[in-house]
Amino acid sequence: RGKLRTSCSWNAMAASRCFQRVLELDHKNT
């Protein structure tokens, strides 16, 4: 999911969803 940052960089909404999901799995992921 960290790799999604760059590949999602053309779509901030997709990036937001990706990182929200990461935080659901690991809420302490800074």
Full PDB file with SEQRES, HELIX, SHEET, SSBOND, CRYST1, ORIGX, SCALE, CONECT and MASTER records, all heavy atoms in Angstrom:
SEQRES   1 A   30  ARG GLY LYS LEU ARG THR SER CYS SER TRP ASN ALA MET          
SEQRES   2 A   30  ALA ALA SER ARG CYS PHE GLN ARG VAL LEU GLU LEU ASP          
SEQRES   3 A   30  HIS LYS ASN THR                                              
HELIX    1 AA1 LEU A    4  SER A    7  1                                   4    
HELIX    2 AA2 ALA A   12  LEU A   25  1                                  14    
CRYST1    1.000    1.000    1.000  90.00  90.00  90.00 P 1           1          
ORIGX1      1.000000  0.000000  0.000000        0.00000                         
ORIGX2      0.000000  1.000000  0.000000        0.00000                         
ORIGX3      0.000000  0.000000  1.000000        0.00000                         
SCALE1      1.000000  0.000000  0.000000        0.00000                         
SCALE2      0.000000  1.000000  0.000000        0.00000                         
SCALE3      0.000000  0.000000  1.000000        0.00000                         
ATOM      1  N   ARG A   1       0.826  -1.204   0.000  1.00  0.00           N  
ATOM      2  CA  ARG A   1       0.000   0.000   0.000  1.00  0.00           C  
ATOM      3  C   ARG A   1       0.862   1.255   0.000  1.00  0.00           C  
ATOM      4  O   ARG A   1       0.450   2.292  -0.504  1.00  0.00           O  
ATOM      5  CB  ARG A   1      -0.974  -0.016   1.171  1.00  0.00           C  
ATOM      6  CG  ARG A   1      -2.057  -1.039   0.958  1.00  0.00           C  
ATOM      7  CD  ARG A   1      -3.094  -0.957   2.052  1.00  0.00           C  
ATOM      8  NE  ARG A   1      -4.127  -1.932   1.816  1.00  0.00           N  
ATOM      9  CZ  ARG A   1      -5.222  -1.713   1.122  1.00  0.00           C  
ATOM     10  NH1 ARG A   1      -5.431  -0.550   0.562  1.00  0.00           N  
ATOM     11  NH2 ARG A   1      -6.120  -2.650   0.972  1.00  0.00           N  
ATOM     12  N   GLY A   2       2.062   1.162   0.562  1.00  0.00           N  
ATOM     13  CA  GLY A   2       2.969   2.298   0.492  1.00  0.00           C  
ATOM     14  C   GLY A   2       3.344   2.604  -0.943  1.00  0.00           C  
ATOM     15  O   GLY A   2       3.558   3.755  -1.314  1.00  0.00           O  
ATOM     16  N   LYS A   3       3.404   1.573  -1.760  1.00  0.00           N  
ATOM     17  CA  LYS A   3       3.732   1.762  -3.176  1.00  0.00           C  
ATOM     18  C   LYS A   3       2.593   2.447  -3.921  1.00  0.00           C  
ATOM     19  O   LYS A   3       2.789   3.001  -4.987  1.00  0.00           O  
ATOM     20  CB  LYS A   3       4.034   0.414  -3.822  1.00  0.00           C  
ATOM     21  CG  LYS A   3       5.300  -0.219  -3.256  1.00  0.00           C  
ATOM     22  CD  LYS A   3       5.530  -1.586  -3.827  1.00  0.00           C  
ATOM     23  CE  LYS A   3       6.786  -2.164  -3.205  1.00  0.00           C  
ATOM     24  NZ  LYS A   3       6.867  -3.568  -3.225  1.00  0.00           N  
ATOM     25  N   LEU A   4       1.400   2.389  -3.334  1.00  0.00           N  
ATOM     26  CA  LEU A   4       0.264   3.015  -3.994  1.00  0.00           C  
ATOM     27  C   LEU A   4       0.374   4.537  -4.009  1.00  0.00           C  
ATOM     28  O   LEU A   4      -0.222   5.183  -4.837  1.00  0.00           O  
ATOM     29  CB  LEU A   4      -1.046   2.610  -3.302  1.00  0.00           C  
ATOM     30  CG  LEU A   4      -1.461   1.167  -3.505  1.00  0.00           C  
ATOM     31  CD1 LEU A   4      -2.641   0.837  -2.610  1.00  0.00           C  
ATOM     32  CD2 LEU A   4      -1.816   0.900  -4.953  1.00  0.00           C  
ATOM     33  N   ARG A   5       1.150   5.107  -3.088  1.00  0.00           N  
ATOM     34  CA  ARG A   5       1.237   6.560  -3.026  1.00  0.00           C  
ATOM     35  C   ARG A   5       1.652   7.128  -4.373  1.00  0.00           C  
ATOM     36  O   ARG A   5       0.998   8.009  -4.908  1.00  0.00           O  
ATOM     37  CB  ARG A   5       2.219   7.017  -1.966  1.00  0.00           C  
ATOM     38  CG  ARG A   5       2.341   8.531  -1.975  1.00  0.00           C  
ATOM     39  CD  ARG A   5       3.425   8.991  -1.028  1.00  0.00           C  
ATOM     40  NE  ARG A   5       3.443  10.421  -1.010  1.00  0.00           N  
ATOM     41  CZ  ARG A   5       4.198  11.168  -1.792  1.00  0.00           C  
ATOM     42  NH1 ARG A   5       5.001  10.616  -2.662  1.00  0.00           N  
ATOM     43  NH2 ARG A   5       4.167  12.469  -1.713  1.00  0.00           N  
ATOM     44  N   THR A   6       2.711   6.640  -4.904  1.00  0.00           N  
ATOM     45  CA  THR A   6       3.197   7.180  -6.170  1.00  0.00           C  
ATOM     46  C   THR A   6       2.259   6.828  -7.314  1.00  0.00           C  
ATOM     47  O   THR A   6       1.957   7.660  -8.154  1.00  0.00           O  
ATOM     48  CB  THR A   6       4.610   6.659  -6.476  1.00  0.00           C  
ATOM     49  OG1 THR A   6       5.431   6.972  -5.367  1.00  0.00           O  
ATOM     50  CG2 THR A   6       5.164   7.302  -7.720  1.00  0.00           C  
ATOM     51  N   SER A   7       1.795   5.579  -7.340  1.00  0.00           N  
ATOM     52  CA  SER A   7       0.947   5.200  -8.458  1.00  0.00           C  
ATOM     53  C   SER A   7      -0.423   5.843  -8.374  1.00  0.00           C  
ATOM     54  O   SER A   7      -1.075   6.025  -9.388  1.00  0.00           O  
ATOM     55  CB  SER A   7       0.820   3.681  -8.554  1.00  0.00           C  
ATOM     56  OG  SER A   7       0.326   3.143  -7.367  1.00  0.00           O  
ATOM     57  N   CYS A   8      -0.855   6.206  -7.183  1.00  0.00           N  
ATOM     58  CA  CYS A   8      -2.132   6.895  -7.033  1.00  0.00           C  
ATOM     59  C   CYS A   8      -1.974   8.398  -7.124  1.00  0.00           C  
ATOM     60  O   CYS A   8      -2.946   9.119  -7.025  1.00  0.00           O  
ATOM     61  CB  CYS A   8      -2.773   6.567  -5.685  1.00  0.00           C  
ATOM     62  SG  CYS A   8      -3.500   4.948  -5.579  1.00  0.00           S  
ATOM     63  N   SER A   9      -0.759   8.867  -7.277  1.00  0.00           N  
ATOM     64  CA  SER A   9      -0.535  10.300  -7.182  1.00  0.00           C  
ATOM     65  C   SER A   9      -1.324  11.077  -8.224  1.00  0.00           C  
ATOM     66  O   SER A   9      -1.544  12.262  -8.045  1.00  0.00           O  
ATOM     67  CB  SER A   9       0.948  10.618  -7.289  1.00  0.00           C  
ATOM     68  OG  SER A   9       1.440  10.260  -8.544  1.00  0.00           O  
ATOM     69  N   TRP A  10      -1.778  10.451  -9.267  1.00  0.00           N  
ATOM     70  CA  TRP A  10      -2.601  11.135 -10.242  1.00  0.00           C  
ATOM     71  C   TRP A  10      -4.069  11.119  -9.828  1.00  0.00           C  
ATOM     72  O   TRP A  10      -4.907  11.702 -10.466  1.00  0.00           O  
ATOM     73  CB  TRP A  10      -2.434  10.511 -11.623  1.00  0.00           C  
ATOM     74  CG  TRP A  10      -2.557   9.025 -11.632  1.00  0.00           C  
ATOM     75  CD1 TRP A  10      -1.559   8.121 -11.464  1.00  0.00           C  
ATOM     76  CD2 TRP A  10      -3.746   8.261 -11.756  1.00  0.00           C  
ATOM     77  NE1 TRP A  10      -2.055   6.840 -11.482  1.00  0.00           N  
ATOM     78  CE2 TRP A  10      -3.403   6.903 -11.664  1.00  0.00           C  
ATOM     79  CE3 TRP A  10      -5.084   8.596 -11.938  1.00  0.00           C  
ATOM     80  CZ2 TRP A  10      -4.339   5.882 -11.743  1.00  0.00           C  
ATOM     81  CZ3 TRP A  10      -6.006   7.579 -12.022  1.00  0.00           C  
ATOM     82  CH2 TRP A  10      -5.625   6.247 -11.930  1.00  0.00           C  
ATOM     83  N   ASN A  11      -4.389  10.438  -8.719  1.00  0.00           N  
ATOM     84  CA  ASN A  11      -5.768  10.368  -8.245  1.00  0.00           C  
ATOM     85  C   ASN A  11      -5.770  10.425  -6.720  1.00  0.00           C  
ATOM     86  O   ASN A  11      -5.643   9.407  -6.054  1.00  0.00           O  
ATOM     87  CB  ASN A  11      -6.418   9.082  -8.752  1.00  0.00           C  
ATOM     88  CG  ASN A  11      -7.897   9.006  -8.418  1.00  0.00           C  
ATOM     89  OD1 ASN A  11      -8.359   9.611  -7.464  1.00  0.00           O  
ATOM     90  ND2 ASN A  11      -8.620   8.249  -9.209  1.00  0.00           N  
ATOM     91  N   ALA A  12      -5.926  11.626  -6.190  1.00  0.00           N  
ATOM     92  CA  ALA A  12      -5.852  11.820  -4.742  1.00  0.00           C  
ATOM     93  C   ALA A  12      -6.976  11.091  -4.020  1.00  0.00           C  
ATOM     94  O   ALA A  12      -6.800  10.609  -2.904  1.00  0.00           O  
ATOM     95  CB  ALA A  12      -5.877  13.308  -4.412  1.00  0.00           C  
ATOM     96  N   MET A  13      -8.140  10.983  -4.650  1.00  0.00           N  
ATOM     97  CA  MET A  13      -9.254  10.276  -4.009  1.00  0.00           C  
ATOM     98  C   MET A  13      -8.909   8.801  -3.840  1.00  0.00           C  
ATOM     99  O   MET A  13      -9.158   8.216  -2.776  1.00  0.00           O  
ATOM    100  CB  MET A  13     -10.535  10.439  -4.843  1.00  0.00           C  
ATOM    101  CG  MET A  13     -11.759   9.850  -4.166  1.00  0.00           C  
ATOM    102  SD  MET A  13     -12.147  10.600  -2.578  1.00  0.00           S  
ATOM    103  CE  MET A  13     -12.793  12.166  -3.108  1.00  0.00           C  
ATOM    104  N   ALA A  14      -8.321   8.197  -4.863  1.00  0.00           N  
ATOM    105  CA  ALA A  14      -7.911   6.793  -4.757  1.00  0.00           C  
ATOM    106  C   ALA A  14      -6.838   6.630  -3.687  1.00  0.00           C  
ATOM    107  O   ALA A  14      -6.863   5.680  -2.902  1.00  0.00           O  
ATOM    108  CB  ALA A  14      -7.404   6.283  -6.109  1.00  0.00           C  
ATOM    109  N   ALA A  15      -5.905   7.575  -3.634  1.00  0.00           N  
ATOM    110  CA  ALA A  15      -4.863   7.517  -2.615  1.00  0.00           C  
ATOM    111  C   ALA A  15      -5.469   7.609  -1.232  1.00  0.00           C  
ATOM    112  O   ALA A  15      -5.078   6.875  -0.319  1.00  0.00           O  
ATOM    113  CB  ALA A  15      -3.848   8.637  -2.838  1.00  0.00           C  
ATOM    114  N   SER A  16      -6.440   8.494  -1.056  1.00  0.00           N  
ATOM    115  CA  SER A  16      -7.101   8.625   0.249  1.00  0.00           C  
ATOM    116  C   SER A  16      -7.740   7.310   0.672  1.00  0.00           C  
ATOM    117  O   SER A  16      -7.577   6.876   1.817  1.00  0.00           O  
ATOM    118  CB  SER A  16      -8.186   9.713   0.192  1.00  0.00           C  
ATOM    119  OG  SER A  16      -7.615  10.971   0.064  1.00  0.00           O  
ATOM    120  N   ARG A  17      -8.444   6.687  -0.250  1.00  0.00           N  
ATOM    121  CA  ARG A  17      -9.094   5.403   0.079  1.00  0.00           C  
ATOM    122  C   ARG A  17      -8.063   4.343   0.441  1.00  0.00           C  
ATOM    123  O   ARG A  17      -8.248   3.573   1.382  1.00  0.00           O  
ATOM    124  CB  ARG A  17      -9.962   4.941  -1.096  1.00  0.00           C  
ATOM    125  CG  ARG A  17     -11.269   5.699  -1.214  1.00  0.00           C  
ATOM    126  CD  ARG A  17     -12.223   5.034  -2.191  1.00  0.00           C  
ATOM    127  NE  ARG A  17     -11.644   4.860  -3.508  1.00  0.00           N  
ATOM    128  CZ  ARG A  17     -11.771   5.723  -4.507  1.00  0.00           C  
ATOM    129  NH1 ARG A  17     -12.432   6.846  -4.333  1.00  0.00           N  
ATOM    130  NH2 ARG A  17     -11.224   5.485  -5.682  1.00  0.00           N  
ATOM    131  N   CYS A  18      -6.970   4.311  -0.304  1.00  0.00           N  
ATOM    132  CA  CYS A  18      -5.918   3.327  -0.031  1.00  0.00           C  
ATOM    133  C   CYS A  18      -5.358   3.495   1.373  1.00  0.00           C  
ATOM    134  O   CYS A  18      -5.227   2.522   2.123  1.00  0.00           O  
ATOM    135  CB  CYS A  18      -4.780   3.465  -1.046  1.00  0.00           C  
ATOM    136  SG  CYS A  18      -5.198   2.958  -2.707  1.00  0.00           S  
ATOM    137  N   PHE A  19      -5.055   4.721   1.743  1.00  0.00           N  
ATOM    138  CA  PHE A  19      -4.436   4.938   3.042  1.00  0.00           C  
ATOM    139  C   PHE A  19      -5.434   4.849   4.187  1.00  0.00           C  
ATOM    140  O   PHE A  19      -5.066   4.489   5.302  1.00  0.00           O  
ATOM    141  CB  PHE A  19      -3.628   6.228   3.047  1.00  0.00           C  
ATOM    142  CG  PHE A  19      -2.416   6.094   2.170  1.00  0.00           C  
ATOM    143  CD1 PHE A  19      -2.319   6.765   0.977  1.00  0.00           C  
ATOM    144  CD2 PHE A  19      -1.396   5.216   2.522  1.00  0.00           C  
ATOM    145  CE1 PHE A  19      -1.221   6.593   0.153  1.00  0.00           C  
ATOM    146  CE2 PHE A  19      -0.296   5.038   1.689  1.00  0.00           C  
ATOM    147  CZ  PHE A  19      -0.211   5.728   0.517  1.00  0.00           C  
ATOM    148  N   GLN A  20      -6.694   5.115   3.917  1.00  0.00           N  
ATOM    149  CA  GLN A  20      -7.715   4.872   4.935  1.00  0.00           C  
ATOM    150  C   GLN A  20      -7.783   3.377   5.237  1.00  0.00           C  
ATOM    151  O   GLN A  20      -7.895   2.967   6.389  1.00  0.00           O  
ATOM    152  CB  GLN A  20      -9.078   5.390   4.476  1.00  0.00           C  
ATOM    153  CG  GLN A  20      -9.183   6.894   4.535  1.00  0.00           C  
ATOM    154  CD  GLN A  20     -10.438   7.425   3.870  1.00  0.00           C  
ATOM    155  OE1 GLN A  20     -11.147   6.729   3.163  1.00  0.00           O  
ATOM    156  NE2 GLN A  20     -10.705   8.704   4.086  1.00  0.00           N  
ATOM    157  N   ARG A  21      -7.678   2.576   4.199  1.00  0.00           N  
ATOM    158  CA  ARG A  21      -7.705   1.115   4.385  1.00  0.00           C  
ATOM    159  C   ARG A  21      -6.467   0.648   5.157  1.00  0.00           C  
ATOM    160  O   ARG A  21      -6.551  -0.218   6.019  1.00  0.00           O  
ATOM    161  CB  ARG A  21      -7.796   0.406   3.038  1.00  0.00           C  
ATOM    162  CG  ARG A  21      -7.847  -1.088   3.122  1.00  0.00           C  
ATOM    163  CD  ARG A  21      -9.138  -1.574   3.754  1.00  0.00           C  
ATOM    164  NE  ARG A  21      -9.113  -3.021   3.788  1.00  0.00           N  
ATOM    165  CZ  ARG A  21      -9.421  -3.749   4.843  1.00  0.00           C  
ATOM    166  NH1 ARG A  21      -9.825  -3.174   5.943  1.00  0.00           N  
ATOM    167  NH2 ARG A  21      -9.347  -5.051   4.795  1.00  0.00           N  
ATOM    168  N   VAL A  22      -5.315   1.228   4.853  1.00  0.00           N  
ATOM    169  CA  VAL A  22      -4.100   0.881   5.592  1.00  0.00           C  
ATOM    170  C   VAL A  22      -4.320   1.166   7.076  1.00  0.00           C  
ATOM    171  O   VAL A  22      -3.981   0.347   7.935  1.00  0.00           O  
ATOM    172  CB  VAL A  22      -2.875   1.673   5.085  1.00  0.00           C  
ATOM    173  CG1 VAL A  22      -1.693   1.488   6.019  1.00  0.00           C  
ATOM    174  CG2 VAL A  22      -2.497   1.242   3.681  1.00  0.00           C  
ATOM    175  N   LEU A  23      -4.918   2.316   7.373  1.00  0.00           N  
ATOM    176  CA  LEU A  23      -5.128   2.687   8.769  1.00  0.00           C  
ATOM    177  C   LEU A  23      -6.160   1.797   9.445  1.00  0.00           C  
ATOM    178  O   LEU A  23      -6.103   1.584  10.657  1.00  0.00           O  
ATOM    179  CB  LEU A  23      -5.499   4.166   8.878  1.00  0.00           C  
ATOM    180  CG  LEU A  23      -4.345   5.108   8.544  1.00  0.00           C  
ATOM    181  CD1 LEU A  23      -4.833   6.556   8.449  1.00  0.00           C  
ATOM    182  CD2 LEU A  23      -3.219   4.980   9.559  1.00  0.00           C  
ATOM    183  N   GLU A  24      -7.106   1.255   8.680  1.00  0.00           N  
ATOM    184  CA  GLU A  24      -8.036   0.279   9.247  1.00  0.00           C  
ATOM    185  C   GLU A  24      -7.279  -0.978   9.675  1.00  0.00           C  
ATOM    186  O   GLU A  24      -7.591  -1.587  10.695  1.00  0.00           O  
ATOM    187  CB  GLU A  24      -9.111  -0.103   8.226  1.00  0.00           C  
ATOM    188  CG  GLU A  24     -10.124   0.988   7.968  1.00  0.00           C  
ATOM    189  CD  GLU A  24     -11.041   0.641   6.806  1.00  0.00           C  
ATOM    190  OE1 GLU A  24     -11.116  -0.544   6.405  1.00  0.00           O  
ATOM    191  OE2 GLU A  24     -11.693   1.569   6.283  1.00  0.00           O  
ATOM    192  N   LEU A  25      -6.270  -1.358   8.890  1.00  0.00           N  
ATOM    193  CA  LEU A  25      -5.486  -2.553   9.190  1.00  0.00           C  
ATOM    194  C   LEU A  25      -4.418  -2.292  10.247  1.00  0.00           C  
ATOM    195  O   LEU A  25      -4.059  -3.190  11.005  1.00  0.00           O  
ATOM    196  CB  LEU A  25      -4.817  -3.078   7.909  1.00  0.00           C  
ATOM    197  CG  LEU A  25      -5.759  -3.564   6.820  1.00  0.00           C  
ATOM    198  CD1 LEU A  25      -4.990  -3.806   5.530  1.00  0.00           C  
ATOM    199  CD2 LEU A  25      -6.480  -4.823   7.256  1.00  0.00           C  
ATOM    200  N   ASP A  26      -3.899  -1.074  10.263  1.00  0.00           N  
ATOM    201  CA  ASP A  26      -2.808  -0.735  11.183  1.00  0.00           C  
ATOM    202  C   ASP A  26      -2.954   0.739  11.554  1.00  0.00           C  
ATOM    203  O   ASP A  26      -2.357   1.610  10.928  1.00  0.00           O  
ATOM    204  CB  ASP A  26      -1.459  -1.003  10.493  1.00  0.00           C  
ATOM    205  CG  ASP A  26      -0.260  -0.603  11.332  1.00  0.00           C  
ATOM    206  OD1 ASP A  26      -0.437  -0.275  12.528  1.00  0.00           O  
ATOM    207  OD2 ASP A  26       0.858  -0.603  10.784  1.00  0.00           O  
ATOM    208  N   HIS A  27      -3.752   1.024  12.579  1.00  0.00           N  
ATOM    209  CA  HIS A  27      -4.082   2.406  12.926  1.00  0.00           C  
ATOM    210  C   HIS A  27      -2.892   3.212  13.435  1.00  0.00           C  
ATOM    211  O   HIS A  27      -2.953   4.426  13.522  1.00  0.00           O  
ATOM    212  CB  HIS A  27      -5.230   2.456  13.936  1.00  0.00           C  
ATOM    213  CG  HIS A  27      -4.866   1.946  15.304  1.00  0.00           C  
ATOM    214  ND1 HIS A  27      -4.813   0.604  15.597  1.00  0.00           N  
ATOM    215  CD2 HIS A  27      -4.520   2.597  16.429  1.00  0.00           C  
ATOM    216  CE1 HIS A  27      -4.452   0.448  16.857  1.00  0.00           C  
ATOM    217  NE2 HIS A  27      -4.269   1.638  17.397  1.00  0.00           N  
ATOM    218  N   LYS A  28      -1.781   2.550  13.735  1.00  0.00           N  
ATOM    219  CA  LYS A  28      -0.591   3.251  14.220  1.00  0.00           C  
ATOM    220  C   LYS A  28       0.416   3.533  13.108  1.00  0.00           C  
ATOM    221  O   LYS A  28       1.499   4.040  13.382  1.00  0.00           O  
ATOM    222  CB  LYS A  28       0.088   2.428  15.314  1.00  0.00           C  
ATOM    223  CG  LYS A  28      -0.743   2.315  16.570  1.00  0.00           C  
ATOM    224  CD  LYS A  28      -0.030   1.529  17.627  1.00  0.00           C  
ATOM    225  CE  LYS A  28      -0.896   1.398  18.872  1.00  0.00           C  
ATOM    226  NZ  LYS A  28      -0.226   0.636  19.910  1.00  0.00           N  
ATOM    227  N   ASN A  29       0.068   3.214  11.884  1.00  0.00           N  
ATOM    228  CA  ASN A  29       0.984   3.400  10.756  1.00  0.00           C  
ATOM    229  C   ASN A  29       1.154   4.898  10.479  1.00  0.00           C  
ATOM    230  O   ASN A  29       0.304   5.534   9.864  1.00  0.00           O  
ATOM    231  CB  ASN A  29       0.436   2.667   9.528  1.00  0.00           C  
ATOM    232  CG  ASN A  29       1.401   2.674   8.374  1.00  0.00           C  
ATOM    233  OD1 ASN A  29       2.066   3.655   8.106  1.00  0.00           O  
ATOM    234  ND2 ASN A  29       1.461   1.558   7.667  1.00  0.00           N  
ATOM    235  N   THR A  30       2.274   5.445  10.945  1.00  0.00           N  
ATOM    236  CA  THR A  30       2.498   6.883  10.810  1.00  0.00           C  
ATOM    237  C   THR A  30       2.697   7.313   9.361  1.00  0.00           C  
ATOM    238  O   THR A  30       2.312   8.424   8.980  1.00  0.00           O  
ATOM    239  CB  THR A  30       3.701   7.344  11.663  1.00  0.00           C  
ATOM    240  OG1 THR A  30       4.850   6.588  11.282  1.00  0.00           O  
ATOM    241  CG2 THR A  30       3.424   7.167  13.146  1.00  0.00           C  
TER     242      THR A  30                                                      
MASTER        0    0    0    2    0    0    0    6  241    1    0    3          
END                                                                             
